[in-house]
N, C-alpha and C. Protein backbone atom coordinates (compact mmCIF):
# COMPACT_ATOMS: atom_id res chain seq x y z
N UNK A 1 41.51 36.13 -3.02
CA UNK A 1 40.26 36.65 -2.53
C UNK A 1 39.57 35.58 -1.68
N UNK A 2 39.14 35.95 -0.48
CA UNK A 2 38.44 35.04 0.41
C UNK A 2 36.94 35.17 0.14
N UNK A 3 36.32 34.06 -0.19
CA UNK A 3 34.89 34.07 -0.43
C UNK A 3 34.16 33.91 0.89
N UNK A 4 33.08 34.67 1.06
CA UNK A 4 32.27 34.57 2.27
C UNK A 4 30.92 33.99 1.89
N UNK A 5 30.49 33.04 2.70
CA UNK A 5 29.22 32.38 2.45
C UNK A 5 28.32 32.56 3.65
N UNK A 6 27.03 32.39 3.42
CA UNK A 6 26.07 32.49 4.52
C UNK A 6 24.96 31.48 4.27
N UNK A 7 24.08 31.42 5.22
CA UNK A 7 22.91 30.55 5.14
C UNK A 7 22.10 30.86 3.87
N UNK A 8 22.03 32.15 3.52
CA UNK A 8 21.27 32.59 2.33
C UNK A 8 21.75 31.91 1.04
N UNK A 9 23.04 31.57 1.00
CA UNK A 9 23.59 30.95 -0.21
C UNK A 9 23.09 29.52 -0.42
N UNK A 10 22.48 28.92 0.59
CA UNK A 10 22.06 27.53 0.53
C UNK A 10 20.55 27.34 0.44
N UNK A 11 19.79 28.34 0.88
CA UNK A 11 18.34 28.20 0.99
C UNK A 11 17.68 27.96 -0.36
N UNK A 12 16.84 26.91 -0.40
CA UNK A 12 15.99 26.65 -1.56
C UNK A 12 16.68 26.03 -2.77
N UNK A 13 17.96 25.82 -2.71
CA UNK A 13 18.66 25.23 -3.86
C UNK A 13 18.43 23.72 -3.89
N UNK A 14 18.41 23.18 -5.10
CA UNK A 14 18.33 21.72 -5.25
C UNK A 14 19.75 21.17 -5.19
N UNK A 15 20.03 20.42 -4.14
CA UNK A 15 21.35 19.83 -3.96
C UNK A 15 21.32 18.34 -4.25
N UNK A 16 22.46 17.86 -4.63
CA UNK A 16 22.69 16.42 -4.71
C UNK A 16 23.53 16.07 -3.49
N UNK A 17 22.98 15.27 -2.58
CA UNK A 17 23.70 14.83 -1.40
C UNK A 17 24.39 13.51 -1.73
N UNK A 18 25.71 13.54 -1.70
CA UNK A 18 26.50 12.32 -1.93
C UNK A 18 27.04 11.87 -0.59
N UNK A 19 26.71 10.63 -0.20
CA UNK A 19 27.14 10.09 1.09
C UNK A 19 28.00 8.85 0.89
N UNK A 20 29.04 8.73 1.72
CA UNK A 20 29.90 7.55 1.73
C UNK A 20 30.08 7.09 3.17
N UNK A 21 29.62 5.88 3.44
CA UNK A 21 29.84 5.24 4.74
C UNK A 21 30.40 3.86 4.48
N UNK A 22 31.57 3.60 5.00
CA UNK A 22 32.25 2.33 4.74
C UNK A 22 32.27 2.10 3.23
N UNK A 23 31.76 0.96 2.77
CA UNK A 23 31.76 0.67 1.34
C UNK A 23 30.48 1.13 0.65
N UNK A 24 29.54 1.67 1.42
CA UNK A 24 28.25 2.09 0.88
C UNK A 24 28.27 3.54 0.42
N UNK A 25 27.59 3.79 -0.69
CA UNK A 25 27.41 5.16 -1.19
C UNK A 25 25.94 5.36 -1.53
N UNK A 26 25.49 6.59 -1.44
CA UNK A 26 24.12 6.92 -1.83
C UNK A 26 24.10 8.35 -2.35
N UNK A 27 23.19 8.60 -3.29
CA UNK A 27 22.97 9.94 -3.82
C UNK A 27 21.49 10.25 -3.64
N UNK A 28 21.19 11.43 -3.06
CA UNK A 28 19.83 11.82 -2.75
C UNK A 28 19.60 13.27 -3.14
N UNK A 29 18.46 13.57 -3.76
CA UNK A 29 18.07 14.96 -4.01
C UNK A 29 17.67 15.58 -2.68
N UNK A 30 18.08 16.82 -2.45
CA UNK A 30 17.84 17.44 -1.15
C UNK A 30 17.69 18.95 -1.31
N UNK A 31 16.77 19.54 -0.54
CA UNK A 31 16.56 20.99 -0.51
C UNK A 31 16.68 21.46 0.94
N UNK A 32 17.42 22.54 1.16
CA UNK A 32 17.55 23.16 2.48
C UNK A 32 16.56 24.32 2.52
N UNK A 33 15.53 24.18 3.34
CA UNK A 33 14.45 25.16 3.36
C UNK A 33 14.74 26.29 4.34
N UNK A 34 14.11 27.43 4.09
CA UNK A 34 14.36 28.64 4.87
C UNK A 34 14.05 28.48 6.35
N UNK A 35 13.07 27.64 6.69
CA UNK A 35 12.71 27.46 8.10
C UNK A 35 13.65 26.52 8.86
N UNK A 36 14.73 26.07 8.20
CA UNK A 36 15.70 25.19 8.85
C UNK A 36 15.38 23.72 8.69
N UNK A 37 14.33 23.40 7.95
CA UNK A 37 14.01 21.99 7.71
C UNK A 37 14.65 21.54 6.39
N UNK A 38 14.60 20.24 6.17
CA UNK A 38 15.19 19.63 4.97
C UNK A 38 14.11 18.84 4.25
N UNK A 39 14.08 18.97 2.93
CA UNK A 39 13.17 18.19 2.10
C UNK A 39 14.03 17.27 1.24
N UNK A 40 13.62 16.01 1.11
CA UNK A 40 14.38 15.10 0.25
C UNK A 40 13.51 14.63 -0.90
N UNK A 41 14.19 14.22 -1.98
CA UNK A 41 13.52 13.70 -3.15
C UNK A 41 14.01 12.29 -3.44
N UNK A 42 14.25 12.01 -4.70
CA UNK A 42 14.67 10.69 -5.14
C UNK A 42 16.03 10.32 -4.55
N UNK A 43 16.20 9.03 -4.29
CA UNK A 43 17.48 8.53 -3.78
C UNK A 43 17.78 7.18 -4.39
N UNK A 44 19.06 6.85 -4.49
CA UNK A 44 19.43 5.50 -4.89
C UNK A 44 19.83 4.68 -3.66
N UNK A 45 19.59 5.23 -2.48
CA UNK A 45 19.85 4.53 -1.22
C UNK A 45 18.66 3.65 -0.84
N UNK A 46 18.72 3.09 0.36
CA UNK A 46 17.62 2.22 0.82
C UNK A 46 16.28 2.97 0.86
N UNK A 47 15.20 2.25 0.65
CA UNK A 47 13.86 2.80 0.65
C UNK A 47 13.48 3.28 2.05
N UNK A 48 13.00 4.51 2.15
CA UNK A 48 12.63 5.12 3.43
C UNK A 48 11.16 4.92 3.74
N UNK A 49 10.87 4.76 5.02
CA UNK A 49 9.48 4.76 5.47
C UNK A 49 9.09 6.16 5.92
N UNK A 50 10.03 6.89 6.54
CA UNK A 50 9.78 8.24 7.03
C UNK A 50 11.11 8.99 7.09
N UNK A 51 11.01 10.32 7.26
CA UNK A 51 12.20 11.16 7.23
C UNK A 51 11.96 12.45 7.99
N UNK A 52 12.99 12.94 8.67
CA UNK A 52 12.96 14.26 9.30
C UNK A 52 14.37 14.83 9.24
N UNK A 53 14.47 16.13 8.91
CA UNK A 53 15.79 16.75 8.82
C UNK A 53 15.77 18.21 9.21
N UNK A 54 16.91 18.68 9.70
CA UNK A 54 17.08 20.09 10.04
C UNK A 54 18.51 20.50 9.70
N UNK A 55 18.71 21.81 9.54
CA UNK A 55 20.04 22.31 9.20
C UNK A 55 20.22 23.73 9.74
N UNK A 56 21.49 24.12 9.86
CA UNK A 56 21.83 25.48 10.28
C UNK A 56 23.24 25.80 9.81
N UNK A 57 23.59 27.08 9.88
CA UNK A 57 24.94 27.54 9.58
C UNK A 57 25.37 28.46 10.72
N UNK A 58 26.52 28.18 11.31
CA UNK A 58 27.07 29.08 12.33
C UNK A 58 27.54 30.36 11.62
N UNK A 59 27.01 31.51 12.07
CA UNK A 59 27.34 32.77 11.40
C UNK A 59 27.79 33.83 12.40
N UNK A 60 28.57 34.78 11.89
CA UNK A 60 28.95 35.93 12.71
C UNK A 60 27.83 36.97 12.66
N UNK A 61 28.03 38.12 13.31
CA UNK A 61 26.99 39.14 13.38
C UNK A 61 26.66 39.75 12.01
N UNK A 62 27.54 39.57 11.01
CA UNK A 62 27.28 40.07 9.66
C UNK A 62 26.57 39.03 8.79
N UNK A 63 26.35 37.85 9.34
CA UNK A 63 25.67 36.80 8.57
C UNK A 63 26.60 35.94 7.74
N UNK A 64 27.92 36.00 7.99
CA UNK A 64 28.88 35.18 7.26
C UNK A 64 29.16 33.90 8.03
N UNK A 65 29.28 32.79 7.32
CA UNK A 65 29.62 31.51 7.95
C UNK A 65 30.97 31.64 8.64
N UNK A 66 31.05 31.10 9.87
CA UNK A 66 32.30 31.20 10.62
C UNK A 66 32.73 29.84 11.16
N UNK A 67 34.04 29.67 11.25
CA UNK A 67 34.62 28.50 11.88
C UNK A 67 34.58 27.26 11.03
N UNK A 68 35.33 26.26 11.51
CA UNK A 68 35.29 24.96 10.86
C UNK A 68 33.93 24.33 11.08
N UNK A 69 33.48 23.58 10.13
CA UNK A 69 32.18 22.90 10.21
C UNK A 69 31.04 23.87 10.50
N UNK A 70 31.04 25.01 9.80
CA UNK A 70 29.98 26.00 9.98
C UNK A 70 28.62 25.44 9.58
N UNK A 71 28.61 24.53 8.60
CA UNK A 71 27.37 23.89 8.17
C UNK A 71 27.09 22.68 9.05
N UNK A 72 25.85 22.61 9.55
CA UNK A 72 25.45 21.47 10.38
C UNK A 72 24.06 21.02 9.97
N UNK A 73 23.92 19.72 9.72
CA UNK A 73 22.63 19.17 9.31
C UNK A 73 22.41 17.86 10.06
N UNK A 74 21.16 17.61 10.41
CA UNK A 74 20.78 16.35 11.05
C UNK A 74 19.68 15.71 10.22
N UNK A 75 19.85 14.42 9.90
CA UNK A 75 18.84 13.67 9.18
C UNK A 75 18.49 12.42 9.99
N UNK A 76 17.21 12.22 10.22
CA UNK A 76 16.73 11.00 10.88
C UNK A 76 15.87 10.26 9.87
N UNK A 77 16.33 9.10 9.49
CA UNK A 77 15.62 8.29 8.49
C UNK A 77 15.03 7.06 9.17
N UNK A 78 13.77 6.77 8.86
CA UNK A 78 13.13 5.57 9.39
C UNK A 78 12.97 4.56 8.26
N UNK A 79 13.40 3.34 8.54
CA UNK A 79 13.32 2.24 7.59
C UNK A 79 12.44 1.14 8.17
N UNK A 80 12.07 0.20 7.34
CA UNK A 80 11.33 -0.95 7.81
C UNK A 80 12.11 -2.21 7.43
N UNK A 81 12.26 -3.12 8.38
CA UNK A 81 13.02 -4.34 8.13
C UNK A 81 12.16 -5.55 8.47
N UNK A 82 12.63 -6.70 8.05
CA UNK A 82 11.92 -7.94 8.34
C UNK A 82 10.68 -8.08 7.50
N UNK A 83 10.08 -9.25 7.59
CA UNK A 83 8.82 -9.48 6.90
C UNK A 83 8.08 -10.58 7.63
N UNK A 84 6.81 -10.58 7.48
CA UNK A 84 5.99 -11.58 8.15
C UNK A 84 5.76 -12.74 7.18
N UNK A 85 6.39 -13.87 7.49
CA UNK A 85 6.25 -15.02 6.59
C UNK A 85 5.54 -16.20 7.24
N UNK A 86 5.20 -16.08 8.52
CA UNK A 86 4.52 -17.18 9.21
C UNK A 86 4.29 -16.81 10.66
N UNK A 87 3.61 -17.71 11.41
CA UNK A 87 3.23 -17.37 12.78
C UNK A 87 4.41 -17.30 13.75
N UNK A 88 5.56 -17.89 13.42
CA UNK A 88 6.73 -17.85 14.31
C UNK A 88 7.72 -16.76 13.91
N UNK A 89 7.35 -15.88 13.00
CA UNK A 89 8.24 -14.82 12.53
C UNK A 89 7.99 -13.53 13.33
N UNK A 90 9.01 -12.74 13.43
CA UNK A 90 8.91 -11.46 14.13
C UNK A 90 8.03 -10.49 13.35
N UNK A 91 8.07 -10.57 12.06
CA UNK A 91 7.32 -9.64 11.23
C UNK A 91 8.15 -8.42 10.90
N UNK A 92 7.52 -7.45 10.29
CA UNK A 92 8.24 -6.23 9.93
C UNK A 92 8.28 -5.28 11.12
N UNK A 93 9.34 -4.50 11.19
CA UNK A 93 9.50 -3.55 12.29
C UNK A 93 10.28 -2.34 11.80
N UNK A 94 9.93 -1.17 12.30
CA UNK A 94 10.65 0.05 11.91
C UNK A 94 11.91 0.23 12.75
N UNK A 95 12.90 0.86 12.17
CA UNK A 95 14.09 1.28 12.91
C UNK A 95 14.56 2.59 12.30
N UNK A 96 15.26 3.38 13.11
CA UNK A 96 15.70 4.67 12.58
C UNK A 96 17.21 4.80 12.67
N UNK A 97 17.74 5.63 11.79
CA UNK A 97 19.16 5.94 11.74
C UNK A 97 19.29 7.45 11.74
N UNK A 98 20.02 7.99 12.73
CA UNK A 98 20.27 9.42 12.78
C UNK A 98 21.71 9.70 12.39
N UNK A 99 21.89 10.66 11.51
CA UNK A 99 23.22 11.08 11.08
C UNK A 99 23.32 12.59 11.20
N UNK A 100 24.49 13.05 11.61
CA UNK A 100 24.79 14.48 11.67
C UNK A 100 25.89 14.77 10.66
N UNK A 101 25.70 15.85 9.90
CA UNK A 101 26.61 16.23 8.83
C UNK A 101 27.28 17.54 9.22
N UNK A 102 28.59 17.54 9.33
CA UNK A 102 29.34 18.73 9.71
C UNK A 102 30.30 19.06 8.58
N UNK A 103 30.20 20.29 8.04
CA UNK A 103 31.04 20.59 6.90
C UNK A 103 31.28 22.07 6.68
N UNK A 104 32.05 22.33 5.65
CA UNK A 104 32.44 23.68 5.28
C UNK A 104 31.79 24.05 3.95
N UNK A 105 31.36 25.30 3.85
CA UNK A 105 30.75 25.83 2.63
C UNK A 105 31.86 26.39 1.75
N UNK A 106 31.81 26.03 0.48
CA UNK A 106 32.83 26.49 -0.45
C UNK A 106 32.21 26.51 -1.85
N UNK A 107 33.03 26.46 -2.85
CA UNK A 107 32.53 26.34 -4.21
C UNK A 107 33.18 25.14 -4.88
N UNK A 108 32.43 24.54 -5.78
CA UNK A 108 32.96 23.52 -6.68
C UNK A 108 32.80 24.13 -8.05
N UNK A 109 33.91 24.52 -8.65
CA UNK A 109 33.83 25.30 -9.88
C UNK A 109 33.20 26.64 -9.54
N UNK A 110 32.09 26.97 -10.19
CA UNK A 110 31.40 28.24 -9.94
C UNK A 110 30.25 28.10 -8.95
N UNK A 111 29.99 26.90 -8.47
CA UNK A 111 28.76 26.65 -7.72
C UNK A 111 29.03 26.39 -6.24
N UNK A 112 28.09 26.83 -5.41
CA UNK A 112 28.21 26.63 -3.97
C UNK A 112 28.11 25.13 -3.66
N UNK A 113 28.92 24.70 -2.70
CA UNK A 113 28.92 23.31 -2.29
C UNK A 113 29.27 23.23 -0.81
N UNK A 114 28.99 22.09 -0.23
CA UNK A 114 29.34 21.83 1.17
C UNK A 114 29.96 20.45 1.21
N UNK A 115 31.03 20.29 1.97
CA UNK A 115 31.61 18.96 2.13
C UNK A 115 32.12 18.81 3.56
N UNK A 116 32.12 17.57 4.03
CA UNK A 116 32.59 17.33 5.39
C UNK A 116 32.38 15.90 5.81
N UNK A 117 32.19 15.71 7.11
CA UNK A 117 32.10 14.38 7.69
C UNK A 117 30.68 14.07 8.18
N UNK A 118 30.37 12.79 8.18
CA UNK A 118 29.10 12.29 8.69
C UNK A 118 29.37 11.68 10.06
N UNK A 119 28.51 12.01 11.02
CA UNK A 119 28.67 11.49 12.39
C UNK A 119 27.43 10.72 12.81
N UNK A 120 27.66 9.69 13.62
CA UNK A 120 26.58 8.90 14.21
C UNK A 120 26.99 8.50 15.61
N UNK A 121 26.08 7.88 16.34
CA UNK A 121 26.38 7.46 17.70
C UNK A 121 26.79 6.00 17.74
N UNK A 122 27.82 5.71 18.52
CA UNK A 122 28.18 4.33 18.84
C UNK A 122 27.28 3.95 20.01
N UNK A 123 26.27 3.14 19.74
CA UNK A 123 25.26 2.81 20.76
C UNK A 123 25.88 2.14 21.97
N UNK A 124 26.88 1.29 21.76
CA UNK A 124 27.50 0.58 22.87
C UNK A 124 28.29 1.49 23.79
N UNK A 125 29.07 2.37 23.20
CA UNK A 125 29.93 3.26 23.98
C UNK A 125 29.27 4.60 24.29
N UNK A 126 28.12 4.89 23.67
CA UNK A 126 27.40 6.15 23.87
C UNK A 126 28.27 7.37 23.54
N UNK A 127 28.99 7.28 22.42
CA UNK A 127 29.84 8.39 21.99
C UNK A 127 29.59 8.71 20.52
N UNK A 128 29.90 9.94 20.15
CA UNK A 128 29.80 10.39 18.76
C UNK A 128 30.97 9.81 17.97
N UNK A 129 30.69 9.28 16.79
CA UNK A 129 31.72 8.70 15.93
C UNK A 129 31.62 9.26 14.52
N UNK A 130 32.75 9.46 13.90
CA UNK A 130 32.78 9.82 12.49
C UNK A 130 32.55 8.53 11.69
N UNK A 131 31.49 8.52 10.87
CA UNK A 131 31.13 7.29 10.17
C UNK A 131 31.28 7.39 8.65
N UNK A 132 31.57 8.58 8.13
CA UNK A 132 31.71 8.71 6.69
C UNK A 132 31.92 10.14 6.25
N UNK A 133 31.74 10.35 4.94
CA UNK A 133 31.96 11.65 4.32
C UNK A 133 30.77 12.01 3.45
N UNK A 134 30.57 13.32 3.24
CA UNK A 134 29.46 13.76 2.39
C UNK A 134 29.87 14.98 1.57
N UNK A 135 29.08 15.21 0.52
CA UNK A 135 29.20 16.42 -0.28
C UNK A 135 27.79 16.83 -0.71
N UNK A 136 27.52 18.12 -0.67
CA UNK A 136 26.30 18.70 -1.21
C UNK A 136 26.71 19.53 -2.42
N UNK A 137 26.15 19.21 -3.56
CA UNK A 137 26.50 19.90 -4.80
C UNK A 137 25.24 20.56 -5.35
N UNK A 138 25.33 21.82 -5.74
CA UNK A 138 24.20 22.57 -6.29
C UNK A 138 23.83 21.97 -7.63
N UNK A 139 22.89 21.04 -7.59
CA UNK A 139 22.52 20.24 -8.77
C UNK A 139 21.89 21.09 -9.86
N UNK A 140 20.99 21.99 -9.53
CA UNK A 140 20.29 22.79 -10.54
C UNK A 140 21.27 23.69 -11.28
N UNK A 141 22.19 24.31 -10.57
CA UNK A 141 23.16 25.20 -11.22
C UNK A 141 24.08 24.41 -12.14
N UNK A 142 24.47 23.22 -11.70
CA UNK A 142 25.34 22.40 -12.52
C UNK A 142 24.63 21.96 -13.79
N UNK A 143 23.34 21.59 -13.69
CA UNK A 143 22.58 21.16 -14.87
C UNK A 143 22.38 22.31 -15.85
N UNK A 144 22.27 23.53 -15.34
CA UNK A 144 22.04 24.69 -16.20
C UNK A 144 23.23 24.97 -17.13
N UNK A 145 24.42 24.50 -16.76
CA UNK A 145 25.61 24.76 -17.57
C UNK A 145 25.85 23.68 -18.61
N UNK A 146 25.10 22.60 -18.56
CA UNK A 146 25.33 21.49 -19.49
C UNK A 146 24.70 21.79 -20.83
C-alpha cells in the first residue's frame, strides 16, 4: 500500500528537528504553522538571538505530496558572537546562518516524519551545497505512546 501525505499531515504538530552537520548535532522543538511559517522552542544547539522560518510541500491537484524532496523548509537563525572586553576589541556582532531543508514525508513507525538533506550556500563559490542531514519526528504522538 502506498501512503499519501499532504501539507495537512504536518500542520500544527510538535516536531523534534534533529540536525547533523559535520560532527555537530542539534535537537530543536519545532512547529509547522498553517500560514507557512515555523515556530521553534527549546534547543540544545547554540543560543539564538533571532529566528525566521518558512515551509511548504509540493503537492498535486489532489493535495498529495509529489516528487522527491516534496517537503521544503528554510530557517534563518541569527546569532551573536564576540564580546566587548576593552577599547581595542571589536565587541559583539550578529551574524546569520540560512539553511534549506529538502526531504520526503513518510512514517516512522505509526507517526508522520520527514527526513532529508540540509543545504547552505558556499559563500566563496556562490553555489548551493549539501551540508548535512535532518529528520522531523512527530514528538507529541511519540510521547503519547510511552
